[in-house]
Amino acid sequence: MQQPTTQQYGDLLEPAPVPFSFNTPGWYVVDVLLLITLLILMFSYIKYYQRNRYRREAIQWLDQRNREPHLKQLYEADMLLKRVAMRVYGAEKVATLRDREWINFLNKCNRRTFSFSEDDSRMLFDAFYRNPQGVGETEAITFILKTRNWIRYHHHALRHRP
């Protein structure tokens, strides 16, 4: 079979080029939609930033205490956890929690894989009531790091109510 040639069909007719202009109504619609999207994103970010202000302030407050003795830091870290949890989840849920219940509550409200352990519960009890000198600096620093991470990554009360 023979291939068709241009002689059989004639010359190809090309259409005239389509003029391009930003003055068409479609671009106005796109501009308005982009502006609305940008405003929504800005509003959402501002709301997110304001809603998480307490996290930044709590972490900053905790960082300012890093020159104090480790037992005092440990006590203040635990009290800071209580204050943050009461602010987010309400005093009626948090104020009465102690020992294992307190640690379980913290772990339930956690978004990350790290967690407080039974050893943390025993260490807090020892540090505050039984044997403060038996608590090592490494244990206290580990607890303070977990505190910082919990403050940064806990669930917000509006999304999760444990």
C-alpha atoms as a PDB file:
ATOM      1  CA  MET A   1       0.000   0.000   0.000  1.00  0.00           C
ATOM      2  CA  GLN A   2       1.222   3.416  -0.884  1.00  0.00           C
ATOM      3  CA  GLN A   3       1.552   6.314   1.620  1.00  0.00           C
ATOM      4  CA  PRO A   4      -0.601   9.376   0.892  1.00  0.00           C
ATOM      5  CA  THR A   5       1.337  12.450  -0.118  1.00  0.00           C
ATOM      6  CA  THR A   6       0.634  16.144   0.181  1.00  0.00           C
ATOM      7  CA  GLN A   7       0.000  16.251  -3.534  1.00  0.00           C
ATOM      8  CA  GLN A   8      -3.028  14.025  -3.127  1.00  0.00           C
ATOM      9  CA  TYR A   9      -4.667  16.172  -0.418  1.00  0.00           C
ATOM     10  CA  GLY A  10      -3.254  19.608  -1.011  1.00  0.00           C
ATOM     11  CA  ASP A  11      -1.511  21.941   1.449  1.00  0.00           C
ATOM     12  CA  LEU A  12      -2.382  21.820   5.136  1.00  0.00           C
ATOM     13  CA  LEU A  13      -4.391  24.785   6.349  1.00  0.00           C
ATOM     14  CA  GLU A  14      -3.163  26.065   9.720  1.00  0.00           C
ATOM     15  CA  PRO A  15      -5.549  28.082  11.879  1.00  0.00           C
ATOM     16  CA  ALA A  16      -4.674  31.632  12.852  1.00  0.00           C
ATOM     17  CA  PRO A  17      -2.831  31.914  16.215  1.00  0.00           C
ATOM     18  CA  VAL A  18      -5.069  32.449  19.236  1.00  0.00           C
ATOM     19  CA  PRO A  19      -4.392  35.831  20.786  1.00  0.00           C
ATOM     20  CA  PHE A  20      -3.311  35.751  24.454  1.00  0.00           C
ATOM     21  CA  SER A  21      -4.329  38.445  26.876  1.00  0.00           C
ATOM     22  CA  PHE A  22      -4.782  38.803  30.632  1.00  0.00           C
ATOM     23  CA  ASN A  23      -7.778  41.033  30.018  1.00  0.00           C
ATOM     24  CA  THR A  24     -10.191  38.134  29.612  1.00  0.00           C
ATOM     25  CA  PRO A  25     -12.829  37.443  32.301  1.00  0.00           C
ATOM     26  CA  GLY A  26     -11.355  34.025  33.162  1.00  0.00           C
ATOM     27  CA  TRP A  27      -8.188  35.616  34.544  1.00  0.00           C
ATOM     28  CA  TYR A  28     -10.248  37.880  36.798  1.00  0.00           C
ATOM     29  CA  VAL A  29     -11.954  34.804  38.242  1.00  0.00           C
ATOM     30  CA  VAL A  30      -8.592  33.088  38.783  1.00  0.00           C
ATOM     31  CA  ASP A  31      -7.200  36.219  40.475  1.00  0.00           C
ATOM     32  CA  VAL A  32     -10.167  36.455  42.838  1.00  0.00           C
ATOM     33  CA  LEU A  33      -9.936  32.745  43.710  1.00  0.00           C
ATOM     34  CA  LEU A  34      -6.194  33.035  44.396  1.00  0.00           C
ATOM     35  CA  LEU A  35      -6.760  36.084  46.580  1.00  0.00           C
ATOM     36  CA  ILE A  36      -9.506  34.332  48.568  1.00  0.00           C
ATOM     37  CA  THR A  37      -7.277  31.253  49.007  1.00  0.00           C
ATOM     38  CA  LEU A  38      -4.381  33.404  50.192  1.00  0.00           C
ATOM     39  CA  LEU A  39      -6.597  35.226  52.705  1.00  0.00           C
ATOM     40  CA  ILE A  40      -7.977  31.937  54.046  1.00  0.00           C
ATOM     41  CA  LEU A  41      -4.449  30.533  54.449  1.00  0.00           C
ATOM     42  CA  MET A  42      -3.250  33.670  56.221  1.00  0.00           C
ATOM     43  CA  PHE A  43      -6.252  33.693  58.559  1.00  0.00           C
ATOM     44  CA  SER A  44      -5.763  29.981  59.336  1.00  0.00           C
ATOM     45  CA  TYR A  45      -2.072  30.469  60.120  1.00  0.00           C
ATOM     46  CA  ILE A  46      -2.751  33.441  62.401  1.00  0.00           C
ATOM     47  CA  LYS A  47      -5.423  31.470  64.243  1.00  0.00           C
ATOM     48  CA  TYR A  48      -3.077  28.466  64.585  1.00  0.00           C
ATOM     49  CA  TYR A  49      -0.250  30.719  65.815  1.00  0.00           C
ATOM     50  CA  GLN A  50      -2.462  32.372  68.432  1.00  0.00           C
ATOM     51  CA  ARG A  51      -3.992  29.079  69.567  1.00  0.00           C
ATOM     52  CA  ASN A  52      -0.527  27.625  70.236  1.00  0.00           C
ATOM     53  CA  ARG A  53       0.912  30.639  72.016  1.00  0.00           C
ATOM     54  CA  TYR A  54       0.679  28.892  75.396  1.00  0.00           C
ATOM     55  CA  ARG A  55       2.935  26.093  74.080  1.00  0.00           C
ATOM     56  CA  ARG A  56       5.669  28.532  73.062  1.00  0.00           C
ATOM     57  CA  GLU A  57       5.448  30.389  76.375  1.00  0.00           C
ATOM     58  CA  ALA A  58       5.539  27.171  78.416  1.00  0.00           C
ATOM     59  CA  ILE A  59       8.597  25.855  76.577  1.00  0.00           C
ATOM     60  CA  GLN A  60      10.313  29.210  76.949  1.00  0.00           C
ATOM     61  CA  TRP A  61       9.523  29.236  80.681  1.00  0.00           C
ATOM     62  CA  LEU A  62      10.923  25.718  81.007  1.00  0.00           C
ATOM     63  CA  ASP A  63      14.095  26.665  79.120  1.00  0.00           C
ATOM     64  CA  GLN A  64      14.708  29.583  81.480  1.00  0.00           C
ATOM     65  CA  ARG A  65      14.924  27.171  84.414  1.00  0.00           C
ATOM     66  CA  ASN A  66      17.750  25.014  83.048  1.00  0.00           C
ATOM     67  CA  ARG A  67      20.368  26.479  85.426  1.00  0.00           C
ATOM     68  CA  GLU A  68      18.504  25.512  88.586  1.00  0.00           C
ATOM     69  CA  PRO A  69      19.184  22.296  90.538  1.00  0.00           C
ATOM     70  CA  HIS A  70      17.730  19.229  88.850  1.00  0.00           C
ATOM     71  CA  LEU A  71      15.212  18.486  91.640  1.00  0.00           C
ATOM     72  CA  LYS A  72      13.803  21.998  91.416  1.00  0.00           C
ATOM     73  CA  GLN A  73      13.640  21.717  87.616  1.00  0.00           C
ATOM     74  CA  LEU A  74      11.855  18.381  87.988  1.00  0.00           C
ATOM     75  CA  TYR A  75       9.278  19.843  90.362  1.00  0.00           C
ATOM     76  CA  GLU A  76       8.699  22.885  88.154  1.00  0.00           C
ATOM     77  CA  ALA A  77       8.427  20.704  85.023  1.00  0.00           C
ATOM     78  CA  ASP A  78       5.735  18.589  86.689  1.00  0.00           C
ATOM     79  CA  MET A  79       3.849  21.684  87.868  1.00  0.00           C
ATOM     80  CA  LEU A  80       4.125  23.186  84.384  1.00  0.00           C
ATOM     81  CA  LEU A  81       2.659  19.979  82.920  1.00  0.00           C
ATOM     82  CA  LYS A  82      -0.252  20.282  85.348  1.00  0.00           C
ATOM     83  CA  ARG A  83      -0.845  23.945  84.470  1.00  0.00           C
ATOM     84  CA  VAL A  84      -0.748  23.301  80.734  1.00  0.00           C
ATOM     85  CA  ALA A  85      -3.014  20.254  81.035  1.00  0.00           C
ATOM     86  CA  MET A  86      -5.488  22.186  83.192  1.00  0.00           C
ATOM     87  CA  ARG A  87      -5.539  25.024  80.683  1.00  0.00           C
ATOM     88  CA  VAL A  88      -6.175  22.693  77.758  1.00  0.00           C
ATOM     89  CA  TYR A  89      -8.348  19.964  79.277  1.00  0.00           C
ATOM     90  CA  GLY A  90      -9.898  21.732  82.258  1.00  0.00           C
ATOM     91  CA  ALA A  91      -9.063  21.713  85.954  1.00  0.00           C
ATOM     92  CA  GLU A  92     -11.873  19.301  86.812  1.00  0.00           C
ATOM     93  CA  LYS A  93     -10.211  16.552  84.723  1.00  0.00           C
ATOM     94  CA  VAL A  94      -6.594  17.194  85.649  1.00  0.00           C
ATOM     95  CA  ALA A  95      -6.354  18.575  89.193  1.00  0.00           C
ATOM     96  CA  THR A  96      -7.078  15.302  90.986  1.00  0.00           C
ATOM     97  CA  LEU A  97      -4.786  13.096  88.888  1.00  0.00           C
ATOM     98  CA  ARG A  98      -1.787  11.627  90.707  1.00  0.00           C
ATOM     99  CA  ASP A  99       0.894   8.997  90.205  1.00  0.00           C
ATOM    100  CA  ARG A 100      -0.079   6.346  87.644  1.00  0.00           C
ATOM    101  CA  GLU A 101      -3.339   8.086  86.666  1.00  0.00           C
ATOM    102  CA  TRP A 102      -1.394  11.268  85.893  1.00  0.00           C
ATOM    103  CA  ILE A 103       1.142   9.427  83.721  1.00  0.00           C
ATOM    104  CA  ASN A 104      -1.628   7.508  81.902  1.00  0.00           C
ATOM    105  CA  PHE A 105      -3.472  10.757  81.239  1.00  0.00           C
ATOM    106  CA  LEU A 106      -0.326  12.358  79.798  1.00  0.00           C
ATOM    107  CA  ASN A 107       0.238   9.351  77.537  1.00  0.00           C
ATOM    108  CA  LYS A 108      -3.373   9.386  76.314  1.00  0.00           C
ATOM    109  CA  CYS A 109      -3.100  13.040  75.317  1.00  0.00           C
ATOM    110  CA  ASN A 110       0.116  12.464  73.413  1.00  0.00           C
ATOM    111  CA  ARG A 111       0.449  12.630  69.597  1.00  0.00           C
ATOM    112  CA  ARG A 112       3.965  11.203  69.386  1.00  0.00           C
ATOM    113  CA  THR A 113       5.497   7.812  70.106  1.00  0.00           C
ATOM    114  CA  PHE A 114       7.502   8.899  73.155  1.00  0.00           C
ATOM    115  CA  SER A 115       5.713   8.413  76.423  1.00  0.00           C
ATOM    116  CA  PHE A 116       6.055   8.699  80.133  1.00  0.00           C
ATOM    117  CA  SER A 117       6.655   5.388  81.888  1.00  0.00           C
ATOM    118  CA  GLU A 118       5.942   3.800  85.252  1.00  0.00           C
ATOM    119  CA  ASP A 119       9.533   4.652  86.142  1.00  0.00           C
ATOM    120  CA  ASP A 120       8.687   8.322  85.621  1.00  0.00           C
ATOM    121  CA  SER A 121       5.758   7.970  87.991  1.00  0.00           C
ATOM    122  CA  ARG A 122       7.953   6.315  90.648  1.00  0.00           C
ATOM    123  CA  MET A 123      10.705   8.876  90.109  1.00  0.00           C
ATOM    124  CA  LEU A 124       8.267  11.755  90.661  1.00  0.00           C
ATOM    125  CA  PHE A 125       6.956  10.136  93.836  1.00  0.00           C
ATOM    126  CA  ASP A 126      10.512   9.585  95.083  1.00  0.00           C
ATOM    127  CA  ALA A 127      11.596  13.108  94.180  1.00  0.00           C
ATOM    128  CA  PHE A 128       8.668  14.780  95.926  1.00  0.00           C
ATOM    129  CA  TYR A 129       7.895  12.495  98.870  1.00  0.00           C
ATOM    130  CA  ARG A 130      10.128   9.541  99.548  1.00  0.00           C
ATOM    131  CA  ASN A 131      13.796  10.040  98.637  1.00  0.00           C
ATOM    132  CA  PRO A 132      14.679  13.271  96.816  1.00  0.00           C
ATOM    133  CA  GLN A 133      18.422  12.565  96.938  1.00  0.00           C
ATOM    134  CA  GLY A 134      17.868   9.206  95.191  1.00  0.00           C
ATOM    135  CA  VAL A 135      16.765  10.855  91.974  1.00  0.00           C
ATOM    136  CA  GLY A 136      19.634  11.237  89.536  1.00  0.00           C
ATOM    137  CA  GLU A 137      20.253  14.209  87.306  1.00  0.00           C
ATOM    138  CA  THR A 138      19.966  12.057  84.160  1.00  0.00           C
ATOM    139  CA  GLU A 139      16.497  10.844  85.149  1.00  0.00           C
ATOM    140  CA  ALA A 140      15.382  14.410  85.868  1.00  0.00           C
ATOM    141  CA  ILE A 141      16.721  15.714  82.555  1.00  0.00           C
ATOM    142  CA  THR A 142      15.013  12.867  80.668  1.00  0.00           C
ATOM    143  CA  PHE A 143      11.710  13.730  82.349  1.00  0.00           C
ATOM    144  CA  ILE A 144      12.165  17.419  81.507  1.00  0.00           C
ATOM    145  CA  LEU A 145      12.804  16.543  77.844  1.00  0.00           C
ATOM    146  CA  LYS A 146       9.662  14.409  77.816  1.00  0.00           C
ATOM    147  CA  THR A 147       7.805  17.341  79.367  1.00  0.00           C
ATOM    148  CA  ARG A 148       9.008  19.670  76.612  1.00  0.00           C
ATOM    149  CA  ASN A 149       7.941  17.163  73.940  1.00  0.00           C
ATOM    150  CA  TRP A 150       4.546  16.628  75.556  1.00  0.00           C
ATOM    151  CA  ILE A 151       3.897  20.375  75.653  1.00  0.00           C
ATOM    152  CA  ARG A 152       4.874  20.665  72.018  1.00  0.00           C
ATOM    153  CA  TYR A 153       2.916  17.649  70.709  1.00  0.00           C
ATOM    154  CA  HIS A 154      -0.113  17.011  72.953  1.00  0.00           C
ATOM    155  CA  HIS A 155      -3.587  16.850  71.464  1.00  0.00           C
ATOM    156  CA  HIS A 156      -5.610  20.004  71.538  1.00  0.00           C
ATOM    157  CA  ALA A 157      -8.746  19.708  73.668  1.00  0.00           C
ATOM    158  CA  LEU A 158     -11.095  20.697  70.839  1.00  0.00           C
ATOM    159  CA  ARG A 159     -10.008  17.707  68.772  1.00  0.00           C
ATOM    160  CA  HIS A 160      -9.515  15.105  71.451  1.00  0.00           C
ATOM    161  CA  ARG A 161     -11.150  14.734  74.807  1.00  0.00           C
ATOM    162  CA  PRO A 162      -9.551  11.890  76.773  1.00  0.00           C
END
